[in-house]
Amino acid sequence: MSVQRIYLTFGRKGNTSNQFLSFGGGKMPSNNSGFRIPRNATVVSMSGQLDSSGTSDMRLRSNDNAANIATLAIAAALGAQDNTLNVDISAGDFMQMYSDNATGVEDPMIIVEIAYRP
């Protein structure tokens, strides 16, 4: 793997419940347009934060598939991170982030770290 890392940011302002987050923290949800991977890569970590109370499972998905390729459980304002991921993704895949929670959370922000493979 490359020592260079790429960081994908997903987020959404306000109350978020069972919906896709926007890539780059913009206004377009990632189910409409995610980040397209230009070369074969590996997801090596995810880190996330919420503004206040609530819990959410942040589900990294690809190519409009409902199957999760990685999940990060976040509890309240404590945030969470997982630096043990080793999930291969292919050139041409596009990444999406889904916030899975029944009660809604405020201002979720998730960073996905990827490393390109030779």
PDB file of N, CA and C in Angstrom:
ATOM      1  N   MET A   1       0.836  -1.186   0.000  1.00  0.00           N
ATOM      2  CA  MET A   1       0.000   0.000   0.000  1.00  0.00           C
ATOM      3  C   MET A   1       0.873   1.239   0.000  1.00  0.00           C
ATOM      4  N   SER A   2       0.315   2.267  -0.563  1.00  0.00           N
ATOM      5  CA  SER A   2       0.995   3.553  -0.602  1.00  0.00           C
ATOM      6  C   SER A   2       1.055   4.154   0.796  1.00  0.00           C
ATOM      7  N   VAL A   3       2.112   4.904   1.073  1.00  0.00           N
ATOM      8  CA  VAL A   3       2.184   5.614   2.347  1.00  0.00           C
ATOM      9  C   VAL A   3       1.315   6.861   2.306  1.00  0.00           C
ATOM     10  N   GLN A   4       0.998   7.331   1.098  1.00  0.00           N
ATOM     11  CA  GLN A   4       0.110   8.482   0.959  1.00  0.00           C
ATOM     12  C   GLN A   4      -1.311   8.066   1.299  1.00  0.00           C
ATOM     13  N   ARG A   5      -2.029   8.895   2.033  1.00  0.00           N
ATOM     14  CA  ARG A   5      -3.402   8.609   2.422  1.00  0.00           C
ATOM     15  C   ARG A   5      -4.335   9.656   1.833  1.00  0.00           C
ATOM     16  N   ILE A   6      -5.540   9.213   1.499  1.00  0.00           N
ATOM     17  CA  ILE A   6      -6.591  10.088   1.016  1.00  0.00           C
ATOM     18  C   ILE A   6      -7.704  10.043   2.057  1.00  0.00           C
ATOM     19  N   TYR A   7      -8.274  11.193   2.388  1.00  0.00           N
ATOM     20  CA  TYR A   7      -9.320  11.262   3.396  1.00  0.00           C
ATOM     21  C   TYR A   7     -10.618  11.723   2.743  1.00  0.00           C
ATOM     22  N   LEU A   8     -11.642  10.871   2.820  1.00  0.00           N
ATOM     23  CA  LEU A   8     -12.961  11.188   2.290  1.00  0.00           C
ATOM     24  C   LEU A   8     -13.819  11.678   3.453  1.00  0.00           C
ATOM     25  N   THR A   9     -14.481  12.789   3.274  1.00  0.00           N
ATOM     26  CA  THR A   9     -15.304  13.369   4.332  1.00  0.00           C
ATOM     27  C   THR A   9     -16.776  13.303   3.937  1.00  0.00           C
ATOM     28  N   PHE A  10     -17.586  12.782   4.854  1.00  0.00           N
ATOM     29  CA  PHE A  10     -19.035  12.724   4.669  1.00  0.00           C
ATOM     30  C   PHE A  10     -19.680  13.413   5.854  1.00  0.00           C
ATOM     31  N   GLY A  11     -20.749  14.166   5.629  1.00  0.00           N
ATOM     32  CA  GLY A  11     -21.411  14.834   6.741  1.00  0.00           C
ATOM     33  C   GLY A  11     -22.788  15.338   6.356  1.00  0.00           C
ATOM     34  N   ARG A  12     -23.466  15.862   7.336  1.00  0.00           N
ATOM     35  CA  ARG A  12     -24.784  16.437   7.101  1.00  0.00           C
ATOM     36  C   ARG A  12     -25.107  17.382   8.249  1.00  0.00           C
ATOM     37  N   LYS A  13     -25.577  18.575   7.932  1.00  0.00           N
ATOM     38  CA  LYS A  13     -25.934  19.538   8.965  1.00  0.00           C
ATOM     39  C   LYS A  13     -27.353  19.280   9.451  1.00  0.00           C
ATOM     40  N   GLY A  14     -27.530  19.361  10.750  1.00  0.00           N
ATOM     41  CA  GLY A  14     -28.848  19.213  11.335  1.00  0.00           C
ATOM     42  C   GLY A  14     -29.193  17.785  11.702  1.00  0.00           C
ATOM     43  N   ASN A  15     -30.480  17.588  11.983  1.00  0.00           N
ATOM     44  CA  ASN A  15     -30.972  16.281  12.405  1.00  0.00           C
ATOM     45  C   ASN A  15     -30.916  15.298  11.242  1.00  0.00           C
ATOM     46  N   THR A  16     -30.338  14.143  11.502  1.00  0.00           N
ATOM     47  CA  THR A  16     -30.123  13.131  10.468  1.00  0.00           C
ATOM     48  C   THR A  16     -30.628  11.796  10.981  1.00  0.00           C
ATOM     49  N   SER A  17     -31.517  11.175  10.220  1.00  0.00           N
ATOM     50  CA  SER A  17     -32.086   9.901  10.637  1.00  0.00           C
ATOM     51  C   SER A  17     -32.303   9.015   9.425  1.00  0.00           C
ATOM     52  N   ASN A  18     -31.618   7.872   9.408  1.00  0.00           N
ATOM     53  CA  ASN A  18     -31.775   6.889   8.339  1.00  0.00           C
ATOM     54  C   ASN A  18     -31.679   7.525   6.953  1.00  0.00           C
ATOM     55  N   GLN A  19     -30.534   8.142   6.679  1.00  0.00           N
ATOM     56  CA  GLN A  19     -30.344   8.763   5.379  1.00  0.00           C
ATOM     57  C   GLN A  19     -28.857   8.818   5.027  1.00  0.00           C
ATOM     58  N   PHE A  20     -28.601   9.045   3.741  1.00  0.00           N
ATOM     59  CA  PHE A  20     -27.238   9.160   3.267  1.00  0.00           C
ATOM     60  C   PHE A  20     -26.649  10.500   3.670  1.00  0.00           C
ATOM     61  N   LEU A  21     -25.363  10.490   4.015  1.00  0.00           N
ATOM     62  CA  LEU A  21     -24.649  11.727   4.289  1.00  0.00           C
ATOM     63  C   LEU A  21     -24.109  12.281   2.982  1.00  0.00           C
ATOM     64  N   SER A  22     -23.796  13.552   2.987  1.00  0.00           N
ATOM     65  CA  SER A  22     -23.267  14.201   1.792  1.00  0.00           C
ATOM     66  C   SER A  22     -21.754  14.053   1.740  1.00  0.00           C
ATOM     67  N   PHE A  23     -21.230  13.844   0.533  1.00  0.00           N
ATOM     68  CA  PHE A  23     -19.783  13.770   0.354  1.00  0.00           C
ATOM     69  C   PHE A  23     -19.204  15.166   0.472  1.00  0.00           C
ATOM     70  N   GLY A  24     -18.124  15.304   1.214  1.00  0.00           N
ATOM     71  CA  GLY A  24     -17.484  16.592   1.379  1.00  0.00           C
ATOM     72  C   GLY A  24     -18.276  17.556   2.253  1.00  0.00           C
ATOM     73  N   GLY A  25     -19.309  17.067   2.911  1.00  0.00           N
ATOM     74  CA  GLY A  25     -20.111  17.933   3.762  1.00  0.00           C
ATOM     75  C   GLY A  25     -20.974  18.902   2.970  1.00  0.00           C
ATOM     76  N   GLY A  26     -21.123  18.661   1.666  1.00  0.00           N
ATOM     77  CA  GLY A  26     -21.945  19.525   0.823  1.00  0.00           C
ATOM     78  C   GLY A  26     -23.418  19.244   1.000  1.00  0.00           C
ATOM     79  N   LYS A  27     -24.226  19.630   0.020  1.00  0.00           N
ATOM     80  CA  LYS A  27     -25.673  19.471   0.135  1.00  0.00           C
ATOM     81  C   LYS A  27     -26.221  18.286  -0.637  1.00  0.00           C
ATOM     82  N   MET A  28     -25.409  17.641  -1.473  1.00  0.00           N
ATOM     83  CA  MET A  28     -25.900  16.523  -2.266  1.00  0.00           C
ATOM     84  C   MET A  28     -25.621  15.201  -1.546  1.00  0.00           C
ATOM     85  N   PRO A  29     -26.666  14.454  -1.173  1.00  0.00           N
ATOM     86  CA  PRO A  29     -26.461  13.174  -0.489  1.00  0.00           C
ATOM     87  C   PRO A  29     -25.623  12.216  -1.338  1.00  0.00           C
ATOM     88  N   SER A  30     -24.823  11.394  -0.660  1.00  0.00           N
ATOM     89  CA  SER A  30     -23.885  10.525  -1.374  1.00  0.00           C
ATOM     90  C   SER A  30     -24.570   9.405  -2.145  1.00  0.00           C
ATOM     91  N   ASN A  31     -25.882   9.152  -1.932  1.00  0.00           N
ATOM     92  CA  ASN A  31     -26.548   8.156  -2.775  1.00  0.00           C
ATOM     93  C   ASN A  31     -26.779   8.721  -4.177  1.00  0.00           C
ATOM     94  N   ASN A  32     -26.744  10.051  -4.320  1.00  0.00           N
ATOM     95  CA  ASN A  32     -26.858  10.667  -5.638  1.00  0.00           C
ATOM     96  C   ASN A  32     -25.503  10.837  -6.301  1.00  0.00           C
ATOM     97  N   SER A  33     -24.477  11.061  -5.517  1.00  0.00           N
ATOM     98  CA  SER A  33     -23.137  11.259  -6.060  1.00  0.00           C
ATOM     99  C   SER A  33     -22.127  11.047  -4.949  1.00  0.00           C
ATOM    100  N   GLY A  34     -21.365   9.983  -5.024  1.00  0.00           N
ATOM    101  CA  GLY A  34     -20.337   9.712  -4.025  1.00  0.00           C
ATOM    102  C   GLY A  34     -18.968  10.009  -4.602  1.00  0.00           C
ATOM    103  N   PHE A  35     -17.918   9.569  -3.916  1.00  0.00           N
ATOM    104  CA  PHE A  35     -16.547   9.760  -4.383  1.00  0.00           C
ATOM    105  C   PHE A  35     -16.143   8.553  -5.214  1.00  0.00           C
ATOM    106  N   ARG A  36     -15.784   8.781  -6.476  1.00  0.00           N
ATOM    107  CA  ARG A  36     -15.346   7.699  -7.356  1.00  0.00           C
ATOM    108  C   ARG A  36     -13.856   7.451  -7.138  1.00  0.00           C
ATOM    109  N   ILE A  37     -13.515   6.186  -6.895  1.00  0.00           N
ATOM    110  CA  ILE A  37     -12.136   5.784  -6.617  1.00  0.00           C
ATOM    111  C   ILE A  37     -11.366   5.677  -7.942  1.00  0.00           C
ATOM    112  N   PRO A  38     -10.275   6.445  -8.118  1.00  0.00           N
ATOM    113  CA  PRO A  38      -9.562   6.422  -9.387  1.00  0.00           C
ATOM    114  C   PRO A  38      -8.622   5.224  -9.571  1.00  0.00           C
ATOM    115  N   ARG A  39      -8.185   4.607  -8.458  1.00  0.00           N
ATOM    116  CA  ARG A  39      -7.279   3.445  -8.531  1.00  0.00           C
ATOM    117  C   ARG A  39      -7.676   2.455  -7.447  1.00  0.00           C
ATOM    118  N   ASN A  40      -7.212   1.213  -7.591  1.00  0.00           N
ATOM    119  CA  ASN A  40      -7.464   0.227  -6.545  1.00  0.00           C
ATOM    120  C   ASN A  40      -6.936   0.759  -5.216  1.00  0.00           C
ATOM    121  N   ALA A  41      -7.725   0.567  -4.163  1.00  0.00           N
ATOM    122  CA  ALA A  41      -7.373   1.143  -2.866  1.00  0.00           C
ATOM    123  C   ALA A  41      -7.879   0.238  -1.745  1.00  0.00           C
ATOM    124  N   THR A  42      -7.504   0.590  -0.525  1.00  0.00           N
ATOM    125  CA  THR A  42      -7.940  -0.120   0.675  1.00  0.00           C
ATOM    126  C   THR A  42      -8.413   0.899   1.702  1.00  0.00           C
ATOM    127  N   VAL A  43      -9.588   0.659   2.276  1.00  0.00           N
ATOM    128  CA  VAL A  43     -10.076   1.481   3.386  1.00  0.00           C
ATOM    129  C   VAL A  43      -9.320   1.016   4.623  1.00  0.00           C
ATOM    130  N   VAL A  44      -8.596   1.943   5.288  1.00  0.00           N
ATOM    131  CA  VAL A  44      -7.787   1.565   6.439  1.00  0.00           C
ATOM    132  C   VAL A  44      -8.331   2.091   7.764  1.00  0.00           C
ATOM    133  N   SER A  45      -9.200   3.123   7.724  1.00  0.00           N
ATOM    134  CA  SER A  45      -9.785   3.591   8.985  1.00  0.00           C
ATOM    135  C   SER A  45     -11.027   4.430   8.721  1.00  0.00           C
ATOM    136  N   MET A  46     -11.846   4.552   9.770  1.00  0.00           N
ATOM    137  CA  MET A  46     -12.994   5.457   9.772  1.00  0.00           C
ATOM    138  C   MET A  46     -13.018   6.148  11.132  1.00  0.00           C
ATOM    139  N   SER A  47     -13.408   7.414  11.137  1.00  0.00           N
ATOM    140  CA  SER A  47     -13.502   8.187  12.357  1.00  0.00           C
ATOM    141  C   SER A  47     -14.728   9.082  12.253  1.00  0.00           C
ATOM    142  N   GLY A  48     -15.454   9.246  13.357  1.00  0.00           N
ATOM    143  CA  GLY A  48     -16.667  10.043  13.275  1.00  0.00           C
ATOM    144  C   GLY A  48     -16.998  10.767  14.557  1.00  0.00           C
ATOM    145  N   GLN A  49     -17.865  11.768  14.388  1.00  0.00           N
ATOM    146  CA  GLN A  49     -18.277  12.595  15.517  1.00  0.00           C
ATOM    147  C   GLN A  49     -19.716  13.045  15.306  1.00  0.00           C
ATOM    148  N   LEU A  50     -20.463  13.153  16.403  1.00  0.00           N
ATOM    149  CA  LEU A  50     -21.806  13.723  16.411  1.00  0.00           C
ATOM    150  C   LEU A  50     -21.787  14.972  17.277  1.00  0.00           C
ATOM    151  N   ASP A  51     -22.776  15.843  17.084  1.00  0.00           N
ATOM    152  CA  ASP A  51     -22.814  17.079  17.858  1.00  0.00           C
ATOM    153  C   ASP A  51     -23.303  16.865  19.283  1.00  0.00           C
ATOM    154  N   SER A  52     -24.302  16.023  19.475  1.00  0.00           N
ATOM    155  CA  SER A  52     -24.881  15.885  20.814  1.00  0.00           C
ATOM    156  C   SER A  52     -25.349  14.459  21.038  1.00  0.00           C
ATOM    157  N   SER A  53     -26.396  14.281  21.819  1.00  0.00           N
ATOM    158  CA  SER A  53     -26.855  12.953  22.197  1.00  0.00           C
ATOM    159  C   SER A  53     -27.343  12.149  21.000  1.00  0.00           C
ATOM    160  N   GLY A  54     -27.421  10.847  21.189  1.00  0.00           N
ATOM    161  CA  GLY A  54     -27.879   9.942  20.148  1.00  0.00           C
ATOM    162  C   GLY A  54     -26.781   8.965  19.770  1.00  0.00           C
ATOM    163  N   THR A  55     -27.171   7.918  19.083  1.00  0.00           N
ATOM    164  CA  THR A  55     -26.212   6.940  18.587  1.00  0.00           C
ATOM    165  C   THR A  55     -26.534   6.641  17.132  1.00  0.00           C
ATOM    166  N   SER A  56     -25.517   6.226  16.404  1.00  0.00           N
ATOM    167  CA  SER A  56     -25.721   5.913  14.996  1.00  0.00           C
ATOM    168  C   SER A  56     -24.688   4.908  14.522  1.00  0.00           C
ATOM    169  N   ASP A  57     -25.114   4.032  13.645  1.00  0.00           N
ATOM    170  CA  ASP A  57     -24.185   3.168  12.920  1.00  0.00           C
ATOM    171  C   ASP A  57     -23.962   3.821  11.568  1.00  0.00           C
ATOM    172  N   MET A  58     -22.734   4.244  11.303  1.00  0.00           N
ATOM    173  CA  MET A  58     -22.377   4.842  10.022  1.00  0.00           C
ATOM    174  C   MET A  58     -21.912   3.726   9.104  1.00  0.00           C
ATOM    175  N   ARG A  59     -22.593   3.578   7.996  1.00  0.00           N
ATOM    176  CA  ARG A  59     -22.372   2.437   7.111  1.00  0.00           C
ATOM    177  C   ARG A  59     -21.762   2.901   5.786  1.00  0.00           C
ATOM    178  N   LEU A  60     -20.523   2.478   5.556  1.00  0.00           N
ATOM    179  CA  LEU A  60     -19.852   2.769   4.289  1.00  0.00           C
ATOM    180  C   LEU A  60     -20.352   1.769   3.256  1.00  0.00           C
ATOM    181  N   ARG A  61     -20.822   2.291   2.134  1.00  0.00           N
ATOM    182  CA  ARG A  61     -21.350   1.464   1.050  1.00  0.00           C
ATOM    183  C   ARG A  61     -20.691   1.881  -0.254  1.00  0.00           C
ATOM    184  N   SER A  62     -20.866   1.040  -1.265  1.00  0.00           N
ATOM    185  CA  SER A  62     -20.299   1.399  -2.566  1.00  0.00           C
ATOM    186  C   SER A  62     -21.264   1.037  -3.686  1.00  0.00           C
ATOM    187  N   ASN A  63     -21.236   1.838  -4.730  1.00  0.00           N
ATOM    188  CA  ASN A  63     -21.919   1.543  -5.990  1.00  0.00           C
ATOM    189  C   ASN A  63     -23.427   1.323  -5.860  1.00  0.00           C
ATOM    190  N   ASP A  64     -24.075   2.062  -4.988  1.00  0.00           N
ATOM    191  CA  ASP A  64     -25.526   1.947  -4.785  1.00  0.00           C
ATOM    192  C   ASP A  64     -25.967   0.587  -4.255  1.00  0.00           C
ATOM    193  N   ASN A  65     -25.058  -0.172  -3.662  1.00  0.00           N
ATOM    194  CA  ASN A  65     -25.421  -1.452  -3.048  1.00  0.00           C
ATOM    195  C   ASN A  65     -25.822  -1.223  -1.599  1.00  0.00           C
ATOM    196  N   ALA A  66     -26.842  -1.940  -1.149  1.00  0.00           N
ATOM    197  CA  ALA A  66     -27.292  -1.811   0.244  1.00  0.00           C
ATOM    198  C   ALA A  66     -26.368  -2.545   1.211  1.00  0.00           C
ATOM    199  N   ALA A  67     -25.492  -3.405   0.696  1.00  0.00           N
ATOM    200  CA  ALA A  67     -24.555  -4.127   1.562  1.00  0.00           C
ATOM    201  C   ALA A  67     -23.506  -3.160   2.100  1.00  0.00           C
ATOM    202  N   ASN A  68     -23.189  -3.287   3.375  1.00  0.00           N
ATOM    203  CA  ASN A  68     -22.190  -2.421   4.006  1.00  0.00           C
ATOM    204  C   ASN A  68     -20.804  -3.017   3.807  1.00  0.00           C
ATOM    205  N   ILE A  69     -19.841  -2.175   3.462  1.00  0.00           N
ATOM    206  CA  ILE A  69     -18.467  -2.685   3.358  1.00  0.00           C
ATOM    207  C   ILE A  69     -17.684  -2.388   4.631  1.00  0.00           C
ATOM    208  N   ALA A  70     -18.184  -1.458   5.450  1.00  0.00           N
ATOM    209  CA  ALA A  70     -17.609  -1.169   6.773  1.00  0.00           C
ATOM    210  C   ALA A  70     -18.661  -0.411   7.575  1.00  0.00           C
ATOM    211  N   THR A  71     -18.635  -0.579   8.896  1.00  0.00           N
ATOM    212  CA  THR A  71     -19.588   0.093   9.778  1.00  0.00           C
ATOM    213  C   THR A  71     -18.844   0.673  10.973  1.00  0.00           C
ATOM    214  N   LEU A  72     -19.211   1.893  11.365  1.00  0.00           N
ATOM    215  CA  LEU A  72     -18.654   2.531  12.542  1.00  0.00           C
ATOM    216  C   LEU A  72     -19.808   2.923  13.460  1.00  0.00           C
ATOM    217  N   ALA A  73     -19.846   2.366  14.672  1.00  0.00           N
ATOM    218  CA  ALA A  73     -20.879   2.702  15.659  1.00  0.00           C
ATOM    219  C   ALA A  73     -20.405   3.908  16.468  1.00  0.00           C
ATOM    220  N   ILE A  74     -21.242   4.954  16.485  1.00  0.00           N
ATOM    221  CA  ILE A  74     -20.897   6.177  17.218  1.00  0.00           C
ATOM    222  C   ILE A  74     -21.919   6.393  18.321  1.00  0.00           C
ATOM    223  N   ALA A  75     -21.436   6.632  19.534  1.00  0.00           N
ATOM    224  CA  ALA A  75     -22.307   6.873  20.681  1.00  0.00           C
ATOM    225  C   ALA A  75     -22.171   8.320  21.132  1.00  0.00           C
ATOM    226  N   ALA A  76     -23.264   9.058  21.002  1.00  0.00           N
ATOM    227  CA  ALA A  76     -23.378  10.441  21.488  1.00  0.00           C
ATOM    228  C   ALA A  76     -22.199  11.304  21.054  1.00  0.00           C
ATOM    229  N   ALA A  77     -21.850  12.263  21.862  1.00  0.00           N
ATOM    230  CA  ALA A  77     -20.792  13.209  21.521  1.00  0.00           C
ATOM    231  C   ALA A  77     -19.398  12.635  21.764  1.00  0.00           C
ATOM    232  N   LEU A  78     -19.326  11.361  22.174  1.00  0.00           N
ATOM    233  CA  LEU A  78     -18.027  10.752  22.421  1.00  0.00           C
ATOM    234  C   LEU A  78     -17.259  10.509  21.129  1.00  0.00           C
ATOM    235  N   GLY A  79     -17.971  10.315  20.039  1.00  0.00           N
ATOM    236  CA  GLY A  79     -17.313  10.002  18.778  1.00  0.00           C
ATOM    237  C   GLY A  79     -16.798   8.570  18.779  1.00  0.00           C
ATOM    238  N   ALA A  80     -16.169   8.183  17.686  1.00  0.00           N
ATOM    239  CA  ALA A  80     -15.620   6.828  17.568  1.00  0.00           C
ATOM    240  C   ALA A  80     -14.619   6.787  16.430  1.00  0.00           C
ATOM    241  N   GLN A  81     -13.767   5.783  16.468  1.00  0.00           N
ATOM    242  CA  GLN A  81     -12.827   5.555  15.383  1.00  0.00           C
ATOM    243  C   GLN A  81     -12.484   4.075  15.329  1.00  0.00           C
ATOM    244  N   ASP A  82     -12.092   3.630  14.143  1.00  0.00           N
ATOM    245  CA  ASP A  82     -11.640   2.249  13.939  1.00  0.00           C
ATOM    246  C   ASP A  82     -10.481   2.302  12.967  1.00  0.00           C
ATOM    247  N   ASN A  83      -9.284   2.028  13.471  1.00  0.00           N
ATOM    248  CA  ASN A  83      -8.108   2.040  12.613  1.00  0.00           C
ATOM    249  C   ASN A  83      -7.602   0.638  12.302  1.00  0.00           C
ATOM    250  N   THR A  84      -8.513  -0.343  12.381  1.00  0.00           N
ATOM    251  CA  THR A  84      -8.151  -1.728  12.086  1.00  0.00           C
ATOM    252  C   THR A  84      -8.789  -2.228  10.789  1.00  0.00           C
ATOM    253  N   LEU A  85      -9.378  -1.335  10.012  1.00  0.00           N
ATOM    254  CA  LEU A  85     -10.059  -1.757   8.789  1.00  0.00           C
ATOM    255  C   LEU A  85      -9.058  -2.184   7.723  1.00  0.00           C
ATOM    256  N   ASN A  86      -9.474  -3.110   6.892  1.00  0.00           N
ATOM    257  CA  ASN A  86      -8.656  -3.597   5.780  1.00  0.00           C
ATOM    258  C   ASN A  86      -9.626  -4.059   4.695  1.00  0.00           C
ATOM    259  N   VAL A  87     -10.301  -3.078   4.053  1.00  0.00           N
ATOM    260  CA  VAL A  87     -11.358  -3.369   3.096  1.00  0.00           C
ATOM    261  C   VAL A  87     -10.913  -2.903   1.709  1.00  0.00           C
ATOM    262  N   ASP A  88     -10.733  -3.848   0.797  1.00  0.00           N
ATOM    263  CA  ASP A  88     -10.307  -3.498  -0.561  1.00  0.00           C
ATOM    264  C   ASP A  88     -11.465  -2.942  -1.371  1.00  0.00           C
ATOM    265  N   ILE A  89     -11.182  -1.883  -2.112  1.00  0.00           N
ATOM    266  CA  ILE A  89     -12.135  -1.294  -3.042  1.00  0.00           C
ATOM    267  C   ILE A  89     -11.431  -1.157  -4.384  1.00  0.00           C
ATOM    268  N   SER A  90     -12.191  -1.176  -5.450  1.00  0.00           N
ATOM    269  CA  SER A  90     -11.618  -1.226  -6.792  1.00  0.00           C
ATOM    270  C   SER A  90     -11.747   0.103  -7.516  1.00  0.00           C
ATOM    271  N   ALA A  91     -10.848   0.323  -8.459  1.00  0.00           N
ATOM    272  CA  ALA A  91     -10.928   1.504  -9.315  1.00  0.00           C
ATOM    273  C   ALA A  91     -12.305   1.546  -9.960  1.00  0.00           C
ATOM    274  N   GLY A  92     -12.924   2.701  -9.952  1.00  0.00           N
ATOM    275  CA  GLY A  92     -14.257   2.865 -10.528  1.00  0.00           C
ATOM    276  C   GLY A  92     -15.384   2.736  -9.529  1.00  0.00           C
ATOM    277  N   ASP A  93     -15.137   2.162  -8.345  1.00  0.00           N
ATOM    278  CA  ASP A  93     -16.169   2.122  -7.303  1.00  0.00           C
ATOM    279  C   ASP A  93     -16.432   3.543  -6.814  1.00  0.00           C
ATOM    280  N   PHE A  94     -17.661   3.813  -6.352  1.00  0.00           N
ATOM    281  CA  PHE A  94     -17.888   5.094  -5.691  1.00  0.00           C
ATOM    282  C   PHE A  94     -18.421   4.847  -4.295  1.00  0.00           C
ATOM    283  N   MET A  95     -17.923   5.652  -3.354  1.00  0.00           N
ATOM    284  CA  MET A  95     -18.181   5.469  -1.937  1.00  0.00           C
ATOM    285  C   MET A  95     -19.367   6.312  -1.487  1.00  0.00           C
ATOM    286  N   GLN A  96     -20.171   5.721  -0.604  1.00  0.00           N
ATOM    287  CA  GLN A  96     -21.346   6.376  -0.042  1.00  0.00           C
ATOM    288  C   GLN A  96     -21.375   6.110   1.455  1.00  0.00           C
ATOM    289  N   MET A  97     -21.988   7.015   2.219  1.00  0.00           N
ATOM    290  CA  MET A  97     -22.086   6.855   3.675  1.00  0.00           C
ATOM    291  C   MET A  97     -23.542   6.988   4.092  1.00  0.00           C
ATOM    292  N   TYR A  98     -24.030   5.975   4.841  1.00  0.00           N
ATOM    293  CA  TYR A  98     -25.417   5.954   5.297  1.00  0.00           C
ATOM    294  C   TYR A  98     -25.455   6.022   6.817  1.00  0.00           C
ATOM    295  N   SER A  99     -26.243   6.946   7.351  1.00  0.00           N
ATOM    296  CA  SER A  99     -26.435   7.076   8.793  1.00  0.00           C
ATOM    297  C   SER A  99     -27.656   6.252   9.186  1.00  0.00           C
ATOM    298  N   ASP A 100     -27.422   5.177   9.929  1.00  0.00           N
ATOM    299  CA  ASP A 100     -28.480   4.237  10.295  1.00  0.00           C
ATOM    300  C   ASP A 100     -28.833   4.432  11.767  1.00  0.00           C
ATOM    301  N   ASN A 101     -29.947   5.156  12.018  1.00  0.00           N
ATOM    302  CA  ASN A 101     -30.384   5.400  13.388  1.00  0.00           C
ATOM    303  C   ASN A 101     -31.867   5.726  13.386  1.00  0.00           C
ATOM    304  N   ALA A 102     -32.556   5.263  14.386  1.00  0.00           N
ATOM    305  CA  ALA A 102     -34.007   5.455  14.436  1.00  0.00           C
ATOM    306  C   ALA A 102     -34.401   6.790  15.061  1.00  0.00           C
ATOM    307  N   THR A 103     -33.584   7.319  15.948  1.00  0.00           N
ATOM    308  CA  THR A 103     -33.980   8.504  16.701  1.00  0.00           C
ATOM    309  C   THR A 103     -33.431   9.806  16.143  1.00  0.00           C
ATOM    310  N   GLY A 104     -32.502   9.757  15.256  1.00  0.00           N
ATOM    311  CA  GLY A 104     -31.912  10.965  14.693  1.00  0.00           C
ATOM    312  C   GLY A 104     -30.725  11.439  15.509  1.00  0.00           C
ATOM    313  N   VAL A 105     -29.732  11.944  14.833  1.00  0.00           N
ATOM    314  CA  VAL A 105     -28.549  12.502  15.482  1.00  0.00           C
ATOM    315  C   VAL A 105     -28.288  13.873  14.860  1.00  0.00           C
ATOM    316  N   GLU A 106     -27.511  14.691  15.544  1.00  0.00           N
ATOM    317  CA  GLU A 106     -27.217  16.042  15.070  1.00  0.00           C
ATOM    318  C   GLU A 106     -25.829  16.123  14.450  1.00  0.00           C
ATOM    319  N   ASP A 107     -25.757  16.719  13.296  1.00  0.00           N
ATOM    320  CA  ASP A 107     -24.507  17.098  12.630  1.00  0.00           C
ATOM    321  C   ASP A 107     -23.455  15.982  12.565  1.00  0.00           C
ATOM    322  N   PRO A 108     -23.763  14.816  11.997  1.00  0.00           N
ATOM    323  CA  PRO A 108     -22.750  13.769  11.893  1.00  0.00           C
ATOM    324  C   PRO A 108     -21.664  14.123  10.879  1.00  0.00           C
ATOM    325  N   MET A 109     -20.433  13.767  11.210  1.00  0.00           N
ATOM    326  CA  MET A 109     -19.296  13.968  10.313  1.00  0.00           C
ATOM    327  C   MET A 109     -18.414  12.723  10.396  1.00  0.00           C
ATOM    328  N   ILE A 110     -18.113  12.131   9.244  1.00  0.00           N
ATOM    329  CA  ILE A 110     -17.322  10.902   9.180  1.00  0.00           C
ATOM    330  C   ILE A 110     -16.153  11.113   8.224  1.00  0.00           C
ATOM    331  N   ILE A 111     -14.981  10.634   8.625  1.00  0.00           N
ATOM    332  CA  ILE A 111     -13.801  10.662   7.759  1.00  0.00           C
ATOM    333  C   ILE A 111     -13.393   9.227   7.483  1.00  0.00           C
ATOM    334  N   VAL A 112     -13.218   8.901   6.198  1.00  0.00           N
ATOM    335  CA  VAL A 112     -12.793   7.579   5.756  1.00  0.00           C
ATOM    336  C   VAL A 112     -11.385   7.721   5.180  1.00  0.00           C
ATOM    337  N   GLU A 113     -10.442   6.958   5.718  1.00  0.00           N
ATOM    338  CA  GLU A 113      -9.064   7.008   5.252  1.00  0.00           C
ATOM    339  C   GLU A 113      -8.819   5.845   4.298  1.00  0.00           C
ATOM    340  N   ILE A 114      -8.284   6.184   3.113  1.00  0.00           N
ATOM    341  CA  ILE A 114      -7.963   5.128   2.160  1.00  0.00           C
ATOM    342  C   ILE A 114      -6.500   5.251   1.737  1.00  0.00           C
ATOM    343  N   ALA A 115      -5.929   4.113   1.350  1.00  0.00           N
ATOM    344  CA  ALA A 115      -4.571   4.064   0.813  1.00  0.00           C
ATOM    345  C   ALA A 115      -4.633   3.360  -0.526  1.00  0.00           C
ATOM    346  N   TYR A 116      -3.968   3.919  -1.524  1.00  0.00           N
ATOM    347  CA  TYR A 116      -3.945   3.274  -2.834  1.00  0.00           C
ATOM    348  C   TYR A 116      -3.050   2.056  -2.814  1.00  0.00           C
ATOM    349  N   ARG A 117      -3.438   1.046  -3.597  1.00  0.00           N
ATOM    350  CA  ARG A 117      -2.646  -0.166  -3.737  1.00  0.00           C
ATOM    351  C   ARG A 117      -1.889  -0.115  -5.063  1.00  0.00           C
ATOM    352  N   PRO A 118      -0.706  -0.716  -5.107  1.00  0.00           N
ATOM    353  CA  PRO A 118       0.042  -0.723  -6.377  1.00  0.00           C
ATOM    354  C   PRO A 118      -0.660  -1.550  -7.450  1.00  0.00           C
TER     355      PRO A 118
END
